[in-house]
Structures are given as C-alpha cells and as structure tokens.
Amino acid sequence: MYHERIASVVSVLHDDETIQLLETTSMAKKAILYKAFTHSAKPGDEILVNETATVLALGTGGMDIVKAVLSEKPVQLKNHNGHIMKARYTPIQHSILSVEEEKSPYHDLFSEPFHLHGQPVLLGELHSMVPLAYYVSQVLQSNQTFVAIFDDKASLPLTLSNQLRELSKQSSFHSITIGQAFGGEYEAVSLPTALQFAVSKLKADVVMVSLGPGVVGTGTKFGFSGLCMADWANTIGALGGTPVWIPRLSFQDQRERHYGLSHHTRTALFTFTYAKSLLPIPHLAEEGRQFIQEQLASERKLPVNHEVVFADQSREDLVEAALRLSRSEIKTMGRAFSEDTAFFLAVAEAVTRVVC
C-alpha cells in the first residue's frame, strides 16, 4: 500500500535546524518535515504528505511525512561534497560525506589496522535504551564520551526521534548512522568502520549499537528487526571486542513473546550469535529471577558459552539519578520507570558492566 494526499499547514509546532513538526489538515493532523529534502513550511502552505502509516494505523511516530511544500520551488541543497548515496533509489536519495570516503578528512584512518582489544560494546534493540544508557553512563562517570551507532533496520532518518535530537545537544554524545540510515553527527558505510571511527578518532569511553524508532516484529521466531543484533555481535567479536547485550526485559508487556526476557533477545543471542557475549540480568525479585532462568534453560545452545550474569544488587537509585539528568521523560512503549521497572533496570545493569 502507498497513500498520499494534499493537506494544508495549520501551524508550526516545532522548528529546529533539522525538522519541522506541523499541525495539518491531513488524516493524522500532524506531519514531520525533514529539512534535508524539503523547504520549510508556514501556516497556509499546501503540502504533499505520505500518510501510509496513518492509514495502516501504525504506532511509531503518529505522524504523516511531508514529501513537498507545493508552493515552493524545487529543493537544491549543497551541504557538503560527499558522493556516498543514502536512501538509494528512492525519491529522497541524497549524497552524504561518509567518514571513509576519499574526500573525508578521516579517510587515512581506515588504512590503519584496527582491533577492539576486548573493549565492551553495548547492544540495544530499542532506541529508547539509548538516552537512558547515556545518562546512566554520565551518572557513573561524568563527561564520558558516549558514541551511539545506528543501523538501518528501523527508521532511516535519525532525526525522527525527539530523544535523539535532544541528545545531539550534549557535548559528550556523538552519533554515527550506518548503512542506509542517515542524519547522525557522522555518517559511515559499515559497522566496522563506524566502530573504528568511534574508538580511534572520537576516543569513545562507551560505544553502543542500536536502531532508530520503528523496529519491525511479525510475531514469528525470525521475522523481526532486532535479529540484526546477532550480526552486530559477530562483527564486534571478529574485531576482538566483547558484545554486551542490553536485555529487552519486561514484566508489564502482556505479549507472551516479550514477557520476561523477550524472545528478540533470546533468539538473536542464542540462535545466531557465535561471538562470545555478555548478557547482564538486573537484580529482580525471586519470582522474576526464576522466570528468566527457566526461559534461558529452554534456549537452544550454540557451541559458544555466552556469559549470563545475574546482578546481586538493585540499580534503582542509579536509574532515578539518570532520569533526573534528562530534559524530557524517557519511556519505553509508552511506559515510564514506575510502570516498567525491569526494562530500565536492565539498561542500567548493562551500562555498569561497561563503565565500572
């Protein structure tokens, strides 16, 4: 399905250097405009919007997407001299200056050998894990350089996320978008080069690999975006690093496949990951701990002995301190810390294994 319509701009709800959020007369009554491809809009302008997600009643974003401001001339933007195309062969394909290409000032870096030398790298399936992981790292040790690498298995534009736009204002936070994803502070073609840039150039104290908003699930064992975490882990292992998995953990999600330790974590780790990994489980009440242990016992075991560690102390104070640092409320699937404690504790526990 593909669905678009012409709508009018009622008001501008938000305007920064990367996006506009518009009140419109479209089906969703709200639309996001990406300034990388589209002129800014003003009240009264006619706009062409893609409303496919709204027609399908999909949750992520809750907005239509502006394709064009019809009263403006065609867009011609020249922000850099890059020749690497992202969103290739779509109407919004555009060139970026990747860190690897010949015109990049960092090109020579990638002629050097690279090894992670055991450095831990966080893996998080959901983009809501990123701001919490960042603020937890800052509570544990202020001014830690935190580099988040975003793969292209969910949203391609990083600027879709309010939380990630807010994080980009932090001097100790850096983002790299890889593959077809775009909009990070830096752009890269592949995960190995992004890791090399994060460690060798940005001198990252904490490195995390994640996805933007809009992960896909189908209710099947292998049909979900987060399966790419196994690829990340295997790449990190091949480069001599230690993958540290943030468990997708919840006792509030009533979907059986996500209750306790989500099958997204279990399947990606225990079925497809050959690089030895660390899976930290936060301190839980005995009932929750036992439930997780039973889930783990039923998993297929690869010829790799992944390390599963159950914490012996709670990180609630750490999470609360981290949440106080954030200017906007951090939620997961619409749930706050008080509503889904295990999810937040899981993120904090994993970060302590990297920072402390």
Protein backbone atom coordinates (compact mmCIF):
# COMPACT_ATOMS: atom_id res chain seq x y z
CA MET A 1 0.00 0.00 0.00
CA TYR A 2 1.04 3.58 -0.66
CA HIS A 3 -1.14 6.56 0.26
CA GLU A 4 -0.56 10.30 -0.11
CA ARG A 5 -2.70 13.41 -0.07
CA ILE A 6 -2.50 17.18 -0.33
CA ALA A 7 -3.05 18.93 3.01
CA SER A 8 -2.70 22.41 4.47
CA VAL A 9 -0.43 23.58 7.25
CA VAL A 10 -2.42 24.87 10.24
CA SER A 11 0.53 25.77 12.48
CA VAL A 12 4.20 25.04 13.12
CA LEU A 13 4.50 23.04 16.35
CA HIS A 14 8.29 22.70 16.38
CA ASP A 15 11.09 24.11 14.26
CA ASP A 16 14.82 23.43 14.51
CA GLU A 17 17.76 23.07 12.13
CA THR A 18 16.76 19.55 11.04
CA ILE A 19 12.96 19.17 11.13
CA GLN A 20 9.60 20.85 11.46
CA LEU A 21 6.62 19.34 13.23
CA LEU A 22 3.45 20.66 11.65
CA GLU A 23 -0.20 20.73 12.58
CA THR A 24 -2.03 19.87 9.36
CA THR A 25 -5.39 19.01 7.86
CA SER A 26 -4.14 15.53 6.92
CA MET A 27 -5.50 12.33 8.43
CA ALA A 28 -3.02 12.29 11.33
CA LYS A 29 -3.42 16.05 11.89
CA LYS A 30 0.35 16.15 12.36
CA ALA A 31 3.30 15.77 10.00
CA ILE A 32 7.08 15.78 10.14
CA LEU A 33 9.10 17.70 7.57
CA TYR A 34 12.77 16.86 7.02
CA LYS A 35 14.71 19.96 6.06
CA ALA A 36 17.40 17.90 4.35
CA PHE A 37 14.97 17.33 1.46
CA THR A 38 12.15 19.84 1.80
CA HIS A 39 11.72 23.58 2.13
CA SER A 40 10.39 24.79 5.48
CA ALA A 41 6.63 25.30 5.59
CA LYS A 42 4.46 28.01 7.11
CA PRO A 43 0.79 28.20 8.06
CA GLY A 44 -1.41 28.20 4.99
CA ASP A 45 1.04 26.33 2.77
CA GLU A 46 -0.19 23.35 0.81
CA ILE A 47 1.91 20.24 1.36
CA LEU A 48 2.03 16.75 -0.13
CA VAL A 49 2.19 14.14 2.63
CA ASN A 50 2.77 10.40 2.74
CA GLU A 51 0.08 9.10 5.09
CA THR A 52 0.54 5.36 4.51
CA ALA A 53 1.45 4.63 8.15
CA THR A 54 -1.58 6.58 9.35
CA VAL A 55 -3.91 4.64 7.04
CA LEU A 56 -2.46 1.39 8.39
CA ALA A 57 -2.80 2.68 11.99
CA LEU A 58 0.87 2.05 12.75
CA GLY A 59 2.03 3.48 16.05
CA THR A 60 5.58 4.75 15.61
CA GLY A 61 5.72 8.49 15.16
CA GLY A 62 1.98 9.01 14.85
CA MET A 63 2.65 11.47 12.04
CA ASP A 64 2.43 11.81 8.30
CA ILE A 65 5.61 12.63 6.37
CA VAL A 66 5.92 15.74 4.22
CA LYS A 67 7.09 14.97 0.68
CA ALA A 68 6.94 18.51 -0.69
CA VAL A 69 5.81 22.05 0.03
CA LEU A 70 3.79 22.66 -3.11
CA SER A 71 4.10 26.44 -3.13
CA GLU A 72 7.91 26.34 -3.12
CA LYS A 73 10.48 25.86 -5.87
CA PRO A 74 12.29 22.53 -6.22
CA VAL A 75 14.81 21.89 -3.45
CA GLN A 76 18.52 22.17 -4.23
CA LEU A 77 20.75 21.78 -1.19
CA LYS A 78 24.54 21.54 -1.25
CA ASN A 79 25.72 20.94 2.29
CA HIS A 80 28.91 19.01 1.52
CA ASN A 81 30.97 17.36 -1.19
CA GLY A 82 30.20 13.74 -0.39
CA HIS A 83 29.42 11.13 -3.03
CA ILE A 84 28.01 8.28 -0.94
CA MET A 85 24.28 7.94 -1.53
CA LYS A 86 21.82 7.11 1.23
CA ALA A 87 18.17 6.13 0.83
CA ARG A 88 19.41 4.89 -2.54
CA TYR A 89 16.99 4.67 -5.47
CA THR A 90 14.16 6.29 -3.55
CA PRO A 91 12.77 9.79 -4.17
CA ILE A 92 14.82 11.08 -1.23
CA GLN A 93 18.17 9.59 -2.21
CA HIS A 94 20.88 12.09 -1.33
CA SER A 95 24.63 12.25 -1.02
CA ILE A 96 26.48 12.43 2.27
CA LEU A 97 30.16 12.73 3.14
CA SER A 98 30.95 9.45 4.83
CA VAL A 99 33.91 9.25 7.18
CA GLU A 100 35.54 6.60 4.96
CA GLU A 101 35.43 8.18 1.50
CA GLU A 102 38.43 9.77 -0.18
CA LYS A 103 37.31 13.37 0.32
CA SER A 104 36.81 12.80 4.04
CA PRO A 105 39.48 14.26 6.33
CA TYR A 106 39.38 10.91 8.15
CA HIS A 107 40.00 8.74 5.08
CA ASP A 108 43.57 7.78 6.02
CA LEU A 109 42.42 6.46 9.39
CA PHE A 110 40.90 3.44 7.69
CA SER A 111 44.22 2.37 6.21
CA GLU A 112 45.40 1.65 9.75
CA PRO A 113 44.92 -1.74 11.43
CA PHE A 114 42.09 -1.87 13.94
CA HIS A 115 41.35 -4.15 16.87
CA LEU A 116 38.98 -3.62 19.80
CA HIS A 117 41.32 -5.39 22.25
CA GLY A 118 38.47 -6.72 24.35
CA GLN A 119 36.60 -3.40 24.58
CA PRO A 120 32.96 -3.94 25.57
CA VAL A 121 30.32 -2.65 23.17
CA LEU A 122 26.69 -2.25 24.23
CA LEU A 123 23.93 -3.66 22.02
CA GLY A 124 20.39 -2.32 22.37
CA GLU A 125 17.42 -3.29 20.22
CA LEU A 126 15.20 -0.32 21.08
CA HIS A 127 16.14 3.31 20.57
CA SER A 128 14.57 4.16 23.95
CA MET A 129 17.51 2.34 25.52
CA VAL A 130 19.98 4.90 24.15
CA PRO A 131 19.12 8.02 26.18
CA LEU A 132 18.87 6.02 29.39
CA ALA A 133 22.21 4.30 28.70
CA TYR A 134 23.82 7.68 28.03
CA TYR A 135 22.54 9.31 31.22
CA VAL A 136 23.42 6.25 33.31
CA SER A 137 26.98 6.46 31.98
CA GLN A 138 27.12 10.13 32.96
CA VAL A 139 25.95 9.38 36.49
CA LEU A 140 28.58 6.68 36.86
CA GLN A 141 31.34 8.87 35.47
CA SER A 142 30.66 12.39 34.24
CA ASN A 143 31.93 13.54 30.85
CA GLN A 144 32.25 10.02 29.49
CA THR A 145 32.40 10.21 25.70
CA PHE A 146 29.42 8.18 24.53
CA VAL A 147 29.15 7.16 20.87
CA ALA A 148 25.93 5.61 19.58
CA ILE A 149 25.98 3.85 16.22
CA PHE A 150 22.61 3.47 14.49
CA ASP A 151 21.94 0.73 11.95
CA ASP A 152 19.34 0.96 9.19
CA LYS A 153 16.94 -1.83 10.20
CA ALA A 154 14.37 0.63 11.60
CA SER A 155 13.84 4.32 10.79
CA LEU A 156 16.34 5.65 8.27
CA PRO A 157 16.27 9.31 9.44
CA LEU A 158 17.71 9.60 12.93
CA THR A 159 16.08 12.98 13.46
CA LEU A 160 12.65 11.33 13.74
CA SER A 161 13.33 10.76 17.45
CA ASN A 162 12.68 13.59 19.91
CA GLN A 163 15.01 11.95 22.43
CA LEU A 164 17.85 11.57 19.95
CA ARG A 165 17.50 15.17 18.77
CA GLU A 166 17.77 16.22 22.41
CA LEU A 167 20.82 14.01 22.98
CA SER A 168 22.59 15.57 19.99
CA LYS A 169 22.87 18.78 22.03
CA GLN A 170 25.06 17.05 24.62
CA SER A 171 28.78 17.64 24.01
CA SER A 172 29.71 14.18 25.28
CA PHE A 173 27.24 12.38 23.00
CA HIS A 174 28.05 11.52 19.38
CA SER A 175 26.01 9.61 16.81
CA ILE A 176 27.04 7.70 13.69
CA THR A 177 24.46 6.49 11.18
CA ILE A 178 25.47 3.49 9.07
CA GLY A 179 24.16 1.66 6.03
CA GLN A 180 21.13 3.48 4.64
CA ALA A 181 20.39 5.26 7.92
CA PHE A 182 21.22 8.96 7.90
CA GLY A 183 21.15 12.10 10.00
CA GLY A 184 23.80 11.24 12.58
CA GLU A 185 26.54 13.65 13.55
CA TYR A 186 28.77 11.42 11.41
CA GLU A 187 27.88 9.11 8.52
CA ALA A 188 29.52 5.76 7.78
CA VAL A 189 29.04 2.94 5.32
CA SER A 190 29.54 -0.05 7.63
CA LEU A 191 29.60 -1.09 11.27
CA PRO A 192 33.34 -1.99 11.32
CA THR A 193 34.36 1.44 10.06
CA ALA A 194 31.92 3.13 12.44
CA LEU A 195 33.47 1.22 15.34
CA GLN A 196 36.96 2.17 14.19
CA PHE A 197 35.97 5.83 13.95
CA ALA A 198 34.26 5.78 17.35
CA VAL A 199 37.26 4.25 19.10
CA SER A 200 40.24 5.63 17.19
CA LYS A 201 39.01 9.13 16.30
CA LEU A 202 36.28 10.02 18.80
CA LYS A 203 38.07 8.21 21.66
CA ALA A 204 34.80 6.76 22.88
CA ASP A 205 34.60 5.68 26.50
CA VAL A 206 31.28 3.96 25.82
CA VAL A 207 30.18 2.58 22.44
CA MET A 208 26.62 1.42 21.79
CA VAL A 209 24.98 -0.01 18.68
CA SER A 210 21.24 0.42 18.29
CA LEU A 211 18.36 1.22 15.93
CA GLY A 212 16.18 4.25 15.41
CA PRO A 213 12.42 4.20 16.09
CA GLY A 214 10.14 1.83 14.24
CA VAL A 215 11.52 -1.67 14.76
CA VAL A 216 9.55 -4.39 12.97
CA GLY A 217 8.05 -7.51 14.51
CA THR A 218 5.82 -10.11 12.88
CA GLY A 219 5.02 -12.48 15.73
CA THR A 220 7.29 -15.09 14.14
CA LYS A 221 10.53 -16.50 15.51
CA PHE A 222 12.89 -14.92 13.00
CA GLY A 223 10.88 -12.09 11.42
CA PHE A 224 11.96 -9.06 13.46
CA SER A 225 14.38 -6.16 13.06
CA GLY A 226 16.31 -6.93 16.22
CA LEU A 227 17.75 -10.09 14.72
CA CYS A 228 20.48 -7.80 13.38
CA MET A 229 21.92 -7.70 16.91
CA ALA A 230 23.49 -11.06 16.16
CA ASP A 231 25.26 -9.53 13.16
CA TRP A 232 26.50 -6.69 15.36
CA ALA A 233 27.75 -9.09 18.00
CA ASN A 234 29.53 -11.28 15.46
CA THR A 235 31.20 -8.23 13.90
CA ILE A 236 32.31 -6.94 17.30
CA GLY A 237 33.66 -10.35 18.19
CA ALA A 238 35.53 -10.62 14.89
CA LEU A 239 37.22 -7.31 15.72
CA GLY A 240 38.26 -8.56 19.15
CA GLY A 241 35.59 -6.79 21.19
CA THR A 242 33.09 -8.02 23.77
CA PRO A 243 29.39 -7.68 22.89
CA VAL A 244 27.39 -6.65 25.97
CA TRP A 245 23.69 -7.23 25.36
CA ILE A 246 21.11 -4.98 26.97
CA PRO A 247 18.33 -7.49 27.63
CA ARG A 248 14.89 -6.50 26.43
CA LEU A 249 13.19 -7.21 29.71
CA SER A 250 9.65 -6.52 30.88
CA PHE A 251 7.04 -7.98 33.20
CA GLN A 252 4.45 -5.44 32.00
CA ASP A 253 4.36 -6.36 28.32
CA GLN A 254 1.46 -8.79 28.10
CA ARG A 255 2.57 -10.28 24.79
CA GLU A 256 3.87 -13.73 25.67
CA ARG A 257 6.86 -13.47 23.35
CA HIS A 258 8.03 -10.30 25.12
CA TYR A 259 7.14 -11.19 28.71
CA GLY A 260 10.20 -11.61 30.90
CA LEU A 261 13.27 -11.80 28.66
CA SER A 262 11.95 -11.04 25.17
CA HIS A 263 12.36 -13.71 22.55
CA HIS A 264 14.02 -10.98 20.45
CA THR A 265 16.98 -11.06 22.83
CA ARG A 266 16.94 -14.83 23.34
CA THR A 267 16.63 -15.75 19.66
CA ALA A 268 19.24 -13.32 18.36
CA LEU A 269 21.75 -14.26 21.06
CA PHE A 270 21.32 -18.00 21.46
CA THR A 271 20.45 -18.98 17.88
CA PHE A 272 22.57 -16.67 15.71
CA THR A 273 25.45 -15.26 17.76
CA TYR A 274 28.79 -17.04 17.59
CA ALA A 275 30.88 -14.32 19.24
CA LYS A 276 31.08 -14.89 22.99
CA SER A 277 28.83 -12.31 24.59
CA LEU A 278 27.86 -10.98 28.00
CA LEU A 279 24.17 -10.85 28.97
CA PRO A 280 23.69 -9.00 32.28
CA ILE A 281 20.38 -9.56 34.08
CA PRO A 282 19.42 -6.93 36.66
CA HIS A 283 18.55 -7.68 40.27
CA LEU A 284 14.98 -8.97 40.34
CA ALA A 285 12.56 -10.36 42.87
CA GLU A 286 12.90 -14.14 43.24
CA GLU A 287 9.83 -14.83 41.10
CA GLY A 288 11.17 -12.75 38.22
CA ARG A 289 14.65 -14.22 38.50
CA GLN A 290 13.30 -17.76 38.43
CA PHE A 291 11.14 -16.97 35.39
CA ILE A 292 14.17 -15.68 33.48
CA GLN A 293 16.23 -18.72 34.47
CA GLU A 294 13.51 -21.02 33.14
CA GLN A 295 13.39 -19.09 29.87
CA LEU A 296 17.15 -19.35 29.47
CA ALA A 297 17.17 -23.06 30.27
CA SER A 298 14.86 -23.74 27.33
CA GLU A 299 17.03 -21.98 24.76
CA ARG A 300 18.97 -23.81 22.08
CA LYS A 301 22.64 -23.75 22.97
CA LEU A 302 25.20 -22.90 20.31
CA PRO A 303 28.77 -24.15 20.68
CA VAL A 304 29.52 -20.80 22.32
CA ASN A 305 29.36 -20.37 26.07
CA HIS A 306 27.75 -16.96 26.43
CA GLU A 307 28.13 -15.43 29.89
CA VAL A 308 24.84 -14.72 31.65
CA VAL A 309 25.31 -12.76 34.88
CA PHE A 310 22.56 -12.12 37.43
CA ALA A 311 23.13 -8.95 39.45
CA ASP A 312 23.08 -9.14 43.24
CA GLN A 313 22.12 -5.51 43.89
CA SER A 314 19.44 -3.17 42.61
CA ARG A 315 20.20 -0.22 40.32
CA GLU A 316 17.00 1.72 41.10
CA ASP A 317 18.87 4.68 42.60
CA LEU A 318 21.11 4.79 39.54
CA VAL A 319 18.14 4.82 37.16
CA GLU A 320 16.42 7.57 39.13
CA ALA A 321 19.57 9.70 39.09
CA ALA A 322 19.92 9.17 35.33
CA LEU A 323 16.29 10.11 34.67
CA ARG A 324 16.79 13.37 36.55
CA LEU A 325 19.50 14.34 34.06
CA SER A 326 17.18 14.01 31.06
CA ARG A 327 15.27 17.11 29.99
CA SER A 328 12.47 15.01 28.54
CA GLU A 329 10.74 11.99 30.01
CA ILE A 330 12.19 8.65 28.95
CA LYS A 331 9.61 5.95 28.25
CA THR A 332 9.54 2.58 26.55
CA MET A 333 6.44 1.52 24.67
CA GLY A 334 4.71 4.41 26.44
CA ARG A 335 5.68 3.13 29.91
CA ALA A 336 7.72 5.11 32.45
CA PHE A 337 10.16 3.71 35.03
CA SER A 338 7.45 3.28 37.65
CA GLU A 339 5.35 1.30 35.16
CA ASP A 340 8.04 -0.99 33.70
CA THR A 341 10.86 -1.12 36.23
CA ALA A 342 12.61 -4.20 34.83
CA PHE A 343 13.21 -2.62 31.42
CA PHE A 344 15.00 0.38 32.91
CA LEU A 345 16.98 -1.71 35.39
CA ALA A 346 18.17 -3.93 32.53
CA VAL A 347 19.66 -0.94 30.70
CA ALA A 348 21.36 0.35 33.84
CA GLU A 349 22.83 -3.03 34.71
CA ALA A 350 24.36 -3.44 31.26
CA VAL A 351 25.92 0.03 31.36
CA THR A 352 27.54 -0.65 34.73
CA ARG A 353 29.30 -3.63 33.14
CA VAL A 354 30.84 -1.28 30.58
CA VAL A 355 31.63 1.81 32.66
CA CYS A 356 32.54 0.31 36.03
